[in-house]
Amino acid sequence: MDYTQKIEIAEVCPRDGWQNHPVPIDTDTKIELIRKMMDCGPKRIEVTSFVNPKAVPQMADNARVVDGVREYAREKGVTLIGLALNGRGVDNARAAGLTHVSFGVSVSEEHNLRNSNKTIEASFEDFRKIMDRAQGMNVLLALPCTFGSPFGDAIDLDRVLRMCEEAKAMGVKEFGLADTAGISNPRHTREVLRYLKDGGLDFSQVSIHLHDTRGMGLANAWIALEEGITHFDASLGGMGGCPFVPGAKGNIATEDLVNMVSQMGMETGYDLDAAIALAVDMGGRIQAKLSSSMSSLCKKGH
């Protein structure tokens, strides 16, 4: 383990953190909070999703949010990313002014059906078509449920490798592996990562997206670090949860992950105190119950 290495942590609270939040967040508040998140130090923010507003009403103001933060992101050197599940989503992301988009294809058949009403193969066929029309955009292929399905169906890691290889041949340079339901454990996380690495997946192109449903998010992050992963997603305050996964809890908290790796001497570029303060402020403003340890300590005055 190289304790001097730099760890990149992408902030996903504006998309994954807020998408399932039951209290509507007004657009101006989103814009203000996202700008403050940029001040904490991330170089990548998943800013919104371009999906059916009937399915995820919290993201209905996606274009207005992007318009409100795009110039500030340029000044701060922050890359804005939008999630899409189909061609219309990619087109809308481009129209909003984004150059980076994350396209999700779950590797759990049941989760993909619930998430997009399509089989994995049908969604991946959409992805093939989208790559033809996403010229000039940077596309990250996100693979939810890589570390297990909440619905009990088996995950075919060889299919994951085939999907990554085909996507790479189409020009994709980034892949996101997700424990969407937060059901993995450190041993399983290591086994999955070693299988994929042995199968040829280049970890310099991989980011890890972990949920903390069973309290093992940071433990799984540590295993990923040991296996050579240096790119992570995290959500301020530990907010998050997939609308299509029953009981899904939030992501690993940005401030908790920053604290863990910083304590060991790893560089993140984050201002930890600013992130903790912002998490506490955000929780109060949007009526969110935060799950992060560091924000809890701050509220108790420690």
C-alpha atoms as a PDB file:
ATOM      1  CA  MET A   1       0.000   0.000   0.000  1.00  0.00           C
ATOM      2  CA  ASP A   2       1.375   3.409  -1.052  1.00  0.00           C
ATOM      3  CA  TYR A   3       0.299   5.837   1.653  1.00  0.00           C
ATOM      4  CA  THR A   4       1.643   8.796  -0.325  1.00  0.00           C
ATOM      5  CA  GLN A   5      -0.656   8.286  -3.295  1.00  0.00           C
ATOM      6  CA  LYS A   6      -3.425  10.719  -4.222  1.00  0.00           C
ATOM      7  CA  ILE A   7      -7.008   9.507  -3.932  1.00  0.00           C
ATOM      8  CA  GLU A   8      -9.643  11.086  -6.171  1.00  0.00           C
ATOM      9  CA  ILE A   9     -13.086  11.319  -4.600  1.00  0.00           C
ATOM     10  CA  ALA A  10     -15.967  12.322  -6.859  1.00  0.00           C
ATOM     11  CA  GLU A  11     -18.883  14.001  -5.086  1.00  0.00           C
ATOM     12  CA  VAL A  12     -22.194  12.317  -5.998  1.00  0.00           C
ATOM     13  CA  CYS A  13     -24.531  13.893  -3.432  1.00  0.00           C
ATOM     14  CA  PRO A  14     -26.345  16.166  -5.911  1.00  0.00           C
ATOM     15  CA  ARG A  15     -27.427  13.137  -7.928  1.00  0.00           C
ATOM     16  CA  ASP A  16     -27.304   9.929  -5.897  1.00  0.00           C
ATOM     17  CA  GLY A  17     -27.584  11.690  -2.570  1.00  0.00           C
ATOM     18  CA  TRP A  18     -30.657  13.747  -3.375  1.00  0.00           C
ATOM     19  CA  GLN A  19     -32.498  11.577  -5.900  1.00  0.00           C
ATOM     20  CA  ASN A  20     -34.326   9.549  -3.243  1.00  0.00           C
ATOM     21  CA  HIS A  21     -34.742  12.362  -0.692  1.00  0.00           C
ATOM     22  CA  PRO A  22     -38.464  12.647   0.144  1.00  0.00           C
ATOM     23  CA  VAL A  23     -38.412  16.413   0.754  1.00  0.00           C
ATOM     24  CA  PRO A  24     -38.338  18.468  -2.483  1.00  0.00           C
ATOM     25  CA  ILE A  25     -35.215  20.614  -2.759  1.00  0.00           C
ATOM     26  CA  ASP A  26     -35.714  23.861  -4.654  1.00  0.00           C
ATOM     27  CA  THR A  27     -33.410  24.633  -7.554  1.00  0.00           C
ATOM     28  CA  ASP A  28     -31.750  27.686  -6.017  1.00  0.00           C
ATOM     29  CA  THR A  29     -30.846  25.690  -2.905  1.00  0.00           C
ATOM     30  CA  LYS A  30     -29.357  22.924  -5.049  1.00  0.00           C
ATOM     31  CA  ILE A  31     -27.259  25.427  -6.966  1.00  0.00           C
ATOM     32  CA  GLU A  32     -25.998  27.108  -3.799  1.00  0.00           C
ATOM     33  CA  LEU A  33     -25.100  23.799  -2.131  1.00  0.00           C
ATOM     34  CA  ILE A  34     -23.368  22.419  -5.218  1.00  0.00           C
ATOM     35  CA  ARG A  35     -21.209  25.539  -5.472  1.00  0.00           C
ATOM     36  CA  LYS A  36     -20.254  25.120  -1.809  1.00  0.00           C
ATOM     37  CA  MET A  37     -19.415  21.473  -2.487  1.00  0.00           C
ATOM     38  CA  MET A  38     -16.992  22.658  -5.165  1.00  0.00           C
ATOM     39  CA  ASP A  39     -15.323  24.861  -2.546  1.00  0.00           C
ATOM     40  CA  CYS A  40     -14.566  21.723  -0.491  1.00  0.00           C
ATOM     41  CA  GLY A  41     -12.151  20.410  -3.107  1.00  0.00           C
ATOM     42  CA  PRO A  42     -13.621  17.744  -5.425  1.00  0.00           C
ATOM     43  CA  LYS A  43     -12.534  17.764  -9.049  1.00  0.00           C
ATOM     44  CA  ARG A  44     -15.558  15.770 -10.213  1.00  0.00           C
ATOM     45  CA  ILE A  45     -19.222  16.168  -9.242  1.00  0.00           C
ATOM     46  CA  GLU A  46     -22.125  14.040 -10.431  1.00  0.00           C
ATOM     47  CA  VAL A  47     -24.412  17.013 -10.603  1.00  0.00           C
ATOM     48  CA  THR A  48     -27.789  15.568 -11.655  1.00  0.00           C
ATOM     49  CA  SER A  49     -29.497  12.868 -13.704  1.00  0.00           C
ATOM     50  CA  PHE A  50     -31.364  13.095 -16.971  1.00  0.00           C
ATOM     51  CA  VAL A  51     -34.104  10.577 -16.360  1.00  0.00           C
ATOM     52  CA  ASN A  52     -37.889  10.496 -16.477  1.00  0.00           C
ATOM     53  CA  PRO A  53     -39.051  13.116 -13.939  1.00  0.00           C
ATOM     54  CA  LYS A  54     -42.093  10.985 -13.163  1.00  0.00           C
ATOM     55  CA  ALA A  55     -39.755   8.246 -11.905  1.00  0.00           C
ATOM     56  CA  VAL A  56     -37.325  10.586 -10.107  1.00  0.00           C
ATOM     57  CA  PRO A  57     -39.095  13.927  -9.538  1.00  0.00           C
ATOM     58  CA  GLN A  58     -36.199  15.340  -7.494  1.00  0.00           C
ATOM     59  CA  MET A  59     -34.150  15.523 -10.734  1.00  0.00           C
ATOM     60  CA  ALA A  60     -36.795  17.305 -12.835  1.00  0.00           C
ATOM     61  CA  ASP A  61     -34.822  20.590 -12.753  1.00  0.00           C
ATOM     62  CA  ASN A  62     -31.644  19.025 -14.177  1.00  0.00           C
ATOM     63  CA  ALA A  63     -30.998  21.568 -16.943  1.00  0.00           C
ATOM     64  CA  ARG A  64     -31.580  24.556 -14.631  1.00  0.00           C
ATOM     65  CA  VAL A  65     -29.208  23.111 -12.035  1.00  0.00           C
ATOM     66  CA  VAL A  66     -26.473  22.603 -14.621  1.00  0.00           C
ATOM     67  CA  ASP A  67     -26.994  26.127 -15.941  1.00  0.00           C
ATOM     68  CA  GLY A  68     -26.648  27.502 -12.418  1.00  0.00           C
ATOM     69  CA  VAL A  69     -23.329  25.808 -11.622  1.00  0.00           C
ATOM     70  CA  ARG A  70     -21.586  25.322 -14.966  1.00  0.00           C
ATOM     71  CA  GLU A  71     -19.639  28.600 -14.995  1.00  0.00           C
ATOM     72  CA  TYR A  72     -18.533  28.227 -11.368  1.00  0.00           C
ATOM     73  CA  ALA A  73     -17.380  24.686 -12.122  1.00  0.00           C
ATOM     74  CA  ARG A  74     -15.292  25.994 -15.000  1.00  0.00           C
ATOM     75  CA  GLU A  75     -13.666  28.569 -12.735  1.00  0.00           C
ATOM     76  CA  LYS A  76     -12.908  25.945 -10.079  1.00  0.00           C
ATOM     77  CA  GLY A  77     -11.678  23.315 -12.545  1.00  0.00           C
ATOM     78  CA  VAL A  78     -14.452  20.889 -11.604  1.00  0.00           C
ATOM     79  CA  THR A  79     -15.823  18.370 -14.103  1.00  0.00           C
ATOM     80  CA  LEU A  80     -19.608  18.055 -14.050  1.00  0.00           C
ATOM     81  CA  ILE A  81     -21.145  14.671 -14.803  1.00  0.00           C
ATOM     82  CA  GLY A  82     -24.770  13.783 -15.539  1.00  0.00           C
ATOM     83  CA  LEU A  83     -26.322  10.331 -15.281  1.00  0.00           C
ATOM     84  CA  ALA A  84     -28.364   8.994 -18.200  1.00  0.00           C
ATOM     85  CA  LEU A  85     -30.197   5.736 -18.826  1.00  0.00           C
ATOM     86  CA  ASN A  86     -31.106   6.181 -22.480  1.00  0.00           C
ATOM     87  CA  GLY A  87     -30.426   8.166 -25.620  1.00  0.00           C
ATOM     88  CA  ARG A  88     -32.818  10.958 -24.711  1.00  0.00           C
ATOM     89  CA  GLY A  89     -30.974  11.398 -21.420  1.00  0.00           C
ATOM     90  CA  VAL A  90     -27.632  11.719 -23.205  1.00  0.00           C
ATOM     91  CA  ASP A  91     -29.101  14.220 -25.676  1.00  0.00           C
ATOM     92  CA  ASN A  92     -30.569  16.276 -22.823  1.00  0.00           C
ATOM     93  CA  ALA A  93     -27.260  16.239 -20.959  1.00  0.00           C
ATOM     94  CA  ARG A  94     -25.484  17.540 -24.044  1.00  0.00           C
ATOM     95  CA  ALA A  95     -28.156  20.208 -24.574  1.00  0.00           C
ATOM     96  CA  ALA A  96     -27.657  21.336 -20.973  1.00  0.00           C
ATOM     97  CA  GLY A  97     -23.980  21.905 -21.704  1.00  0.00           C
ATOM     98  CA  LEU A  98     -22.377  18.831 -20.146  1.00  0.00           C
ATOM     99  CA  THR A  99     -19.406  17.127 -21.762  1.00  0.00           C
ATOM    100  CA  HIS A 100     -19.324  14.141 -19.380  1.00  0.00           C
ATOM    101  CA  VAL A 101     -22.095  11.633 -18.910  1.00  0.00           C
ATOM    102  CA  SER A 102     -22.439   8.422 -16.946  1.00  0.00           C
ATOM    103  CA  PHE A 103     -24.564   5.742 -18.590  1.00  0.00           C
ATOM    104  CA  GLY A 104     -25.775   2.977 -16.303  1.00  0.00           C
ATOM    105  CA  VAL A 105     -26.311  -0.675 -17.219  1.00  0.00           C
ATOM    106  CA  SER A 106     -26.933  -2.836 -14.169  1.00  0.00           C
ATOM    107  CA  VAL A 107     -25.257  -6.238 -14.213  1.00  0.00           C
ATOM    108  CA  SER A 108     -28.165  -7.645 -12.187  1.00  0.00           C
ATOM    109  CA  GLU A 109     -30.926  -8.701 -14.567  1.00  0.00           C
ATOM    110  CA  GLU A 110     -33.676  -8.040 -12.020  1.00  0.00           C
ATOM    111  CA  HIS A 111     -32.280  -4.670 -10.943  1.00  0.00           C
ATOM    112  CA  ASN A 112     -31.875  -3.564 -14.541  1.00  0.00           C
ATOM    113  CA  LEU A 113     -35.491  -4.491 -15.276  1.00  0.00           C
ATOM    114  CA  ARG A 114     -36.683  -2.412 -12.324  1.00  0.00           C
ATOM    115  CA  ASN A 115     -34.299   0.444 -13.035  1.00  0.00           C
ATOM    116  CA  SER A 116     -34.867   0.798 -16.789  1.00  0.00           C
ATOM    117  CA  ASN A 117     -37.615  -1.704 -17.653  1.00  0.00           C
ATOM    118  CA  LYS A 118     -35.193  -3.522 -19.949  1.00  0.00           C
ATOM    119  CA  THR A 119     -32.988  -6.601 -19.944  1.00  0.00           C
ATOM    120  CA  ILE A 120     -29.251  -6.159 -19.593  1.00  0.00           C
ATOM    121  CA  GLU A 121     -28.732  -6.976 -23.259  1.00  0.00           C
ATOM    122  CA  ALA A 122     -31.398  -4.471 -24.343  1.00  0.00           C
ATOM    123  CA  SER A 123     -29.812  -1.756 -22.197  1.00  0.00           C
ATOM    124  CA  PHE A 124     -26.371  -2.555 -23.547  1.00  0.00           C
ATOM    125  CA  GLU A 125     -27.747  -2.377 -27.083  1.00  0.00           C
ATOM    126  CA  ASP A 126     -28.983   1.117 -26.187  1.00  0.00           C
ATOM    127  CA  PHE A 127     -25.470   1.860 -24.983  1.00  0.00           C
ATOM    128  CA  ARG A 128     -24.008   0.767 -28.337  1.00  0.00           C
ATOM    129  CA  LYS A 129     -26.367   3.139 -30.153  1.00  0.00           C
ATOM    130  CA  ILE A 130     -25.677   5.958 -27.723  1.00  0.00           C
ATOM    131  CA  MET A 131     -21.948   5.734 -28.272  1.00  0.00           C
ATOM    132  CA  ASP A 132     -22.588   6.469 -31.939  1.00  0.00           C
ATOM    133  CA  ARG A 133     -24.457   9.662 -31.067  1.00  0.00           C
ATOM    134  CA  ALA A 134     -22.273  10.700 -28.096  1.00  0.00           C
ATOM    135  CA  GLN A 135     -19.477  11.977 -30.303  1.00  0.00           C
ATOM    136  CA  GLY A 136     -17.439  14.622 -28.486  1.00  0.00           C
ATOM    137  CA  MET A 137     -18.646  13.538 -25.058  1.00  0.00           C
ATOM    138  CA  ASN A 138     -16.800  11.583 -22.406  1.00  0.00           C
ATOM    139  CA  VAL A 139     -18.870   8.556 -21.412  1.00  0.00           C
ATOM    140  CA  LEU A 140     -18.410   6.571 -18.211  1.00  0.00           C
ATOM    141  CA  LEU A 141     -20.011   3.134 -18.183  1.00  0.00           C
ATOM    142  CA  ALA A 142     -21.509   2.631 -14.723  1.00  0.00           C
ATOM    143  CA  LEU A 143     -22.181  -0.974 -13.733  1.00  0.00           C
ATOM    144  CA  PRO A 144     -24.592  -1.137 -10.774  1.00  0.00           C
ATOM    145  CA  CYS A 145     -24.754  -4.318  -8.678  1.00  0.00           C
ATOM    146  CA  THR A 146     -21.264  -5.489  -9.668  1.00  0.00           C
ATOM    147  CA  PHE A 147     -20.748  -6.679  -6.097  1.00  0.00           C
ATOM    148  CA  GLY A 148     -24.113  -8.404  -5.756  1.00  0.00           C
ATOM    149  CA  SER A 149     -27.835  -8.151  -6.437  1.00  0.00           C
ATOM    150  CA  PRO A 150     -30.379  -7.270  -3.746  1.00  0.00           C
ATOM    151  CA  PHE A 151     -32.833  -9.539  -5.525  1.00  0.00           C
ATOM    152  CA  GLY A 152     -30.749 -12.706  -5.292  1.00  0.00           C
ATOM    153  CA  ASP A 153     -29.914 -13.216  -8.969  1.00  0.00           C
ATOM    154  CA  ALA A 154     -26.334 -14.245  -9.708  1.00  0.00           C
ATOM    155  CA  ILE A 155     -23.841 -11.730 -11.087  1.00  0.00           C
ATOM    156  CA  ASP A 156     -21.883 -12.998 -14.096  1.00  0.00           C
ATOM    157  CA  LEU A 157     -18.458 -11.374 -13.743  1.00  0.00           C
ATOM    158  CA  ASP A 158     -17.369 -12.736 -17.100  1.00  0.00           C
ATOM    159  CA  ARG A 159     -20.209 -10.763 -18.670  1.00  0.00           C
ATOM    160  CA  VAL A 160     -18.987  -7.686 -16.766  1.00  0.00           C
ATOM    161  CA  LEU A 161     -15.560  -8.172 -18.345  1.00  0.00           C
ATOM    162  CA  ARG A 162     -17.075  -8.629 -21.812  1.00  0.00           C
ATOM    163  CA  MET A 163     -19.157  -5.474 -21.434  1.00  0.00           C
ATOM    164  CA  CYS A 164     -16.103  -3.484 -20.368  1.00  0.00           C
ATOM    165  CA  GLU A 165     -14.027  -4.830 -23.254  1.00  0.00           C
ATOM    166  CA  GLU A 166     -16.693  -3.970 -25.808  1.00  0.00           C
ATOM    167  CA  ALA A 167     -17.215  -0.533 -24.286  1.00  0.00           C
ATOM    168  CA  LYS A 168     -13.478   0.084 -24.338  1.00  0.00           C
ATOM    169  CA  ALA A 169     -13.404  -0.809 -28.025  1.00  0.00           C
ATOM    170  CA  MET A 170     -16.098   1.829 -28.543  1.00  0.00           C
ATOM    171  CA  GLY A 171     -13.946   4.487 -26.891  1.00  0.00           C
ATOM    172  CA  VAL A 172     -15.017   4.319 -23.247  1.00  0.00           C
ATOM    173  CA  LYS A 173     -12.120   5.073 -20.909  1.00  0.00           C
ATOM    174  CA  GLU A 174     -13.872   5.036 -17.520  1.00  0.00           C
ATOM    175  CA  PHE A 175     -15.821   2.338 -15.729  1.00  0.00           C
ATOM    176  CA  GLY A 176     -17.739   2.585 -12.468  1.00  0.00           C
ATOM    177  CA  LEU A 177     -18.207  -0.551 -10.378  1.00  0.00           C
ATOM    178  CA  ALA A 178     -21.001  -0.237  -7.829  1.00  0.00           C
ATOM    179  CA  ASP A 179     -22.210  -2.008  -4.728  1.00  0.00           C
ATOM    180  CA  THR A 180     -25.630  -0.488  -5.329  1.00  0.00           C
ATOM    181  CA  ALA A 181     -27.446  -2.205  -2.491  1.00  0.00           C
ATOM    182  CA  GLY A 182     -24.534  -2.103  -0.044  1.00  0.00           C
ATOM    183  CA  ILE A 183     -24.568  -5.860   0.412  1.00  0.00           C
ATOM    184  CA  SER A 184     -20.936  -6.717  -0.218  1.00  0.00           C
ATOM    185  CA  ASN A 185     -18.430  -7.561   2.511  1.00  0.00           C
ATOM    186  CA  PRO A 186     -14.648  -7.018   2.476  1.00  0.00           C
ATOM    187  CA  ARG A 187     -13.829 -10.605   1.520  1.00  0.00           C
ATOM    188  CA  HIS A 188     -16.327 -10.608  -1.344  1.00  0.00           C
ATOM    189  CA  THR A 189     -15.217  -7.163  -2.506  1.00  0.00           C
ATOM    190  CA  ARG A 190     -11.630  -8.386  -2.714  1.00  0.00           C
ATOM    191  CA  GLU A 191     -12.663 -11.531  -4.600  1.00  0.00           C
ATOM    192  CA  VAL A 192     -14.665  -9.546  -7.166  1.00  0.00           C
ATOM    193  CA  LEU A 193     -11.923  -6.987  -7.724  1.00  0.00           C
ATOM    194  CA  ARG A 194      -9.222  -9.630  -8.089  1.00  0.00           C
ATOM    195  CA  TYR A 195     -11.355 -11.599 -10.546  1.00  0.00           C
ATOM    196  CA  LEU A 196     -11.931  -8.514 -12.692  1.00  0.00           C
ATOM    197  CA  LYS A 197      -8.286  -7.440 -12.494  1.00  0.00           C
ATOM    198  CA  ASP A 198      -7.080 -10.928 -13.403  1.00  0.00           C
ATOM    199  CA  GLY A 199      -9.553 -10.812 -16.287  1.00  0.00           C
ATOM    200  CA  GLY A 200      -7.809  -7.764 -17.726  1.00  0.00           C
ATOM    201  CA  LEU A 201      -9.736  -4.796 -16.346  1.00  0.00           C
ATOM    202  CA  ASP A 202      -7.383  -1.825 -16.020  1.00  0.00           C
ATOM    203  CA  PHE A 203      -7.908  -0.373 -12.548  1.00  0.00           C
ATOM    204  CA  SER A 204      -6.483   2.983 -13.590  1.00  0.00           C
ATOM    205  CA  GLN A 205      -9.760   3.372 -15.513  1.00  0.00           C
ATOM    206  CA  VAL A 206     -12.000   2.171 -12.674  1.00  0.00           C
ATOM    207  CA  SER A 207     -13.896   4.009  -9.951  1.00  0.00           C
ATOM    208  CA  ILE A 208     -15.755   2.378  -7.067  1.00  0.00           C
ATOM    209  CA  HIS A 209     -19.230   3.375  -5.909  1.00  0.00           C
ATOM    210  CA  LEU A 210     -20.101   1.959  -2.485  1.00  0.00           C
ATOM    211  CA  HIS A 211     -23.236   2.112  -0.369  1.00  0.00           C
ATOM    212  CA  ASP A 212     -23.241   1.632   3.384  1.00  0.00           C
ATOM    213  CA  THR A 213     -26.487  -0.283   3.900  1.00  0.00           C
ATOM    214  CA  ARG A 214     -24.912  -2.818   6.255  1.00  0.00           C
ATOM    215  CA  GLY A 215     -22.219  -0.583   7.709  1.00  0.00           C
ATOM    216  CA  MET A 216     -19.374  -2.039   5.632  1.00  0.00           C
ATOM    217  CA  GLY A 217     -18.885   0.778   3.137  1.00  0.00           C
ATOM    218  CA  LEU A 218     -15.572   2.093   4.468  1.00  0.00           C
ATOM    219  CA  ALA A 219     -14.272  -1.440   5.044  1.00  0.00           C
ATOM    220  CA  ASN A 220     -15.004  -2.212   1.397  1.00  0.00           C
ATOM    221  CA  ALA A 221     -13.330   1.069   0.389  1.00  0.00           C
ATOM    222  CA  TRP A 222     -10.206   0.028   2.292  1.00  0.00           C
ATOM    223  CA  ILE A 223     -10.124  -3.298   0.436  1.00  0.00           C
ATOM    224  CA  ALA A 224     -10.480  -1.446  -2.864  1.00  0.00           C
ATOM    225  CA  LEU A 225      -7.512   0.744  -1.881  1.00  0.00           C
ATOM    226  CA  GLU A 226      -5.452  -2.355  -1.092  1.00  0.00           C
ATOM    227  CA  GLU A 227      -6.361  -3.803  -4.491  1.00  0.00           C
ATOM    228  CA  GLY A 228      -5.141  -0.702  -6.318  1.00  0.00           C
ATOM    229  CA  ILE A 229      -8.271   1.447  -6.751  1.00  0.00           C
ATOM    230  CA  THR A 230      -7.627   5.185  -6.344  1.00  0.00           C
ATOM    231  CA  HIS A 231     -10.912   6.639  -7.685  1.00  0.00           C
ATOM    232  CA  PHE A 232     -14.020   6.627  -5.502  1.00  0.00           C
ATOM    233  CA  ASP A 233     -17.525   8.053  -5.417  1.00  0.00           C
ATOM    234  CA  ALA A 234     -18.844   9.420  -2.129  1.00  0.00           C
ATOM    235  CA  SER A 235     -21.793  11.503  -0.996  1.00  0.00           C
ATOM    236  CA  LEU A 236     -21.757  14.402   1.433  1.00  0.00           C
ATOM    237  CA  GLY A 237     -23.424  13.413   4.692  1.00  0.00           C
ATOM    238  CA  GLY A 238     -23.722   9.813   3.561  1.00  0.00           C
ATOM    239  CA  MET A 239     -26.905  10.671   1.661  1.00  0.00           C
ATOM    240  CA  GLY A 240     -28.200   8.444  -1.098  1.00  0.00           C
ATOM    241  CA  GLY A 241     -30.141   5.359  -2.017  1.00  0.00           C
ATOM    242  CA  CYS A 242     -31.514   3.817  -5.171  1.00  0.00           C
ATOM    243  CA  PRO A 243     -35.295   4.284  -5.668  1.00  0.00           C
ATOM    244  CA  PHE A 244     -35.435   0.791  -7.160  1.00  0.00           C
ATOM    245  CA  VAL A 245     -33.653  -1.061  -4.319  1.00  0.00           C
ATOM    246  CA  PRO A 246     -35.808  -1.726  -1.240  1.00  0.00           C
ATOM    247  CA  GLY A 247     -34.151  -0.482   1.954  1.00  0.00           C
ATOM    248  CA  ALA A 248     -31.133   0.967   0.179  1.00  0.00           C
ATOM    249  CA  LYS A 249     -29.080   3.220   2.427  1.00  0.00           C
ATOM    250  CA  GLY A 250     -26.799   6.059   1.468  1.00  0.00           C
ATOM    251  CA  ASN A 251     -23.373   6.100  -0.084  1.00  0.00           C
ATOM    252  CA  ILE A 252     -20.208   6.124   1.952  1.00  0.00           C
ATOM    253  CA  ALA A 253     -19.938   9.656   3.284  1.00  0.00           C
ATOM    254  CA  THR A 254     -17.491  12.014   1.614  1.00  0.00           C
ATOM    255  CA  GLU A 255     -16.259  13.413   4.920  1.00  0.00           C
ATOM    256  CA  ASP A 256     -15.802   9.936   6.429  1.00  0.00           C
ATOM    257  CA  LEU A 257     -13.802   8.680   3.446  1.00  0.00           C
ATOM    258  CA  VAL A 258     -11.695  11.846   3.327  1.00  0.00           C
ATOM    259  CA  ASN A 259     -11.040  11.536   7.051  1.00  0.00           C
ATOM    260  CA  MET A 260     -10.001   7.881   6.790  1.00  0.00           C
ATOM    261  CA  VAL A 261      -7.509   8.269   3.957  1.00  0.00           C
ATOM    262  CA  SER A 262      -6.207  11.629   5.206  1.00  0.00           C
ATOM    263  CA  GLN A 263      -5.495  10.157   8.637  1.00  0.00           C
ATOM    264  CA  MET A 264      -3.223   7.670   6.854  1.00  0.00           C
ATOM    265  CA  GLY A 265      -1.384  10.376   4.945  1.00  0.00           C
ATOM    266  CA  MET A 266      -3.123  10.078   1.582  1.00  0.00           C
ATOM    267  CA  GLU A 267      -3.870  13.256  -0.347  1.00  0.00           C
ATOM    268  CA  THR A 268      -7.426  14.000  -1.526  1.00  0.00           C
ATOM    269  CA  GLY A 269      -7.450  17.723  -2.258  1.00  0.00           C
ATOM    270  CA  TYR A 270     -10.427  18.127   0.090  1.00  0.00           C
ATOM    271  CA  ASP A 271     -10.847  20.609   2.934  1.00  0.00           C
ATOM    272  CA  LEU A 272     -12.186  18.163   5.531  1.00  0.00           C
ATOM    273  CA  ASP A 273     -13.410  20.802   7.986  1.00  0.00           C
ATOM    274  CA  ALA A 274     -15.293  22.603   5.216  1.00  0.00           C
ATOM    275  CA  ALA A 275     -16.886  19.341   4.049  1.00  0.00           C
ATOM    276  CA  ILE A 276     -18.050  18.458   7.569  1.00  0.00           C
ATOM    277  CA  ALA A 277     -19.490  21.928   8.158  1.00  0.00           C
ATOM    278  CA  LEU A 278     -21.276  21.885   4.807  1.00  0.00           C
ATOM    279  CA  ALA A 279     -22.736  18.433   5.478  1.00  0.00           C
ATOM    280  CA  VAL A 280     -24.224  19.624   8.776  1.00  0.00           C
ATOM    281  CA  ASP A 281     -25.558  22.814   7.179  1.00  0.00           C
ATOM    282  CA  MET A 282     -27.042  20.885   4.252  1.00  0.00           C
ATOM    283  CA  GLY A 283     -28.758  18.395   6.531  1.00  0.00           C
ATOM    284  CA  GLY A 284     -30.536  21.169   8.365  1.00  0.00           C
ATOM    285  CA  ARG A 285     -31.522  23.086   5.261  1.00  0.00           C
ATOM    286  CA  ILE A 286     -33.044  20.193   3.334  1.00  0.00           C
ATOM    287  CA  GLN A 287     -34.395  18.281   6.345  1.00  0.00           C
ATOM    288  CA  ALA A 288     -32.098  15.316   5.805  1.00  0.00           C
ATOM    289  CA  LYS A 289     -31.027  12.814   8.426  1.00  0.00           C
ATOM    290  CA  LEU A 290     -27.326  12.329   7.810  1.00  0.00           C
ATOM    291  CA  SER A 291     -25.566   9.036   8.431  1.00  0.00           C
ATOM    292  CA  SER A 292     -21.932  10.125   8.423  1.00  0.00           C
ATOM    293  CA  SER A 293     -19.766   9.741  11.514  1.00  0.00           C
ATOM    294  CA  MET A 294     -17.829  12.987  11.085  1.00  0.00           C
ATOM    295  CA  SER A 295     -20.950  15.153  10.748  1.00  0.00           C
ATOM    296  CA  SER A 296     -22.395  13.447  13.834  1.00  0.00           C
ATOM    297  CA  LEU A 297     -19.261  14.309  15.823  1.00  0.00           C
ATOM    298  CA  CYS A 298     -19.480  17.910  14.617  1.00  0.00           C
ATOM    299  CA  LYS A 299     -23.074  18.247  15.785  1.00  0.00           C
ATOM    300  CA  LYS A 300     -22.063  16.924  19.205  1.00  0.00           C
ATOM    301  CA  GLY A 301     -19.331  19.527  19.446  1.00  0.00           C
ATOM    302  CA  HIS A 302     -16.315  17.180  19.323  1.00  0.00           C
END
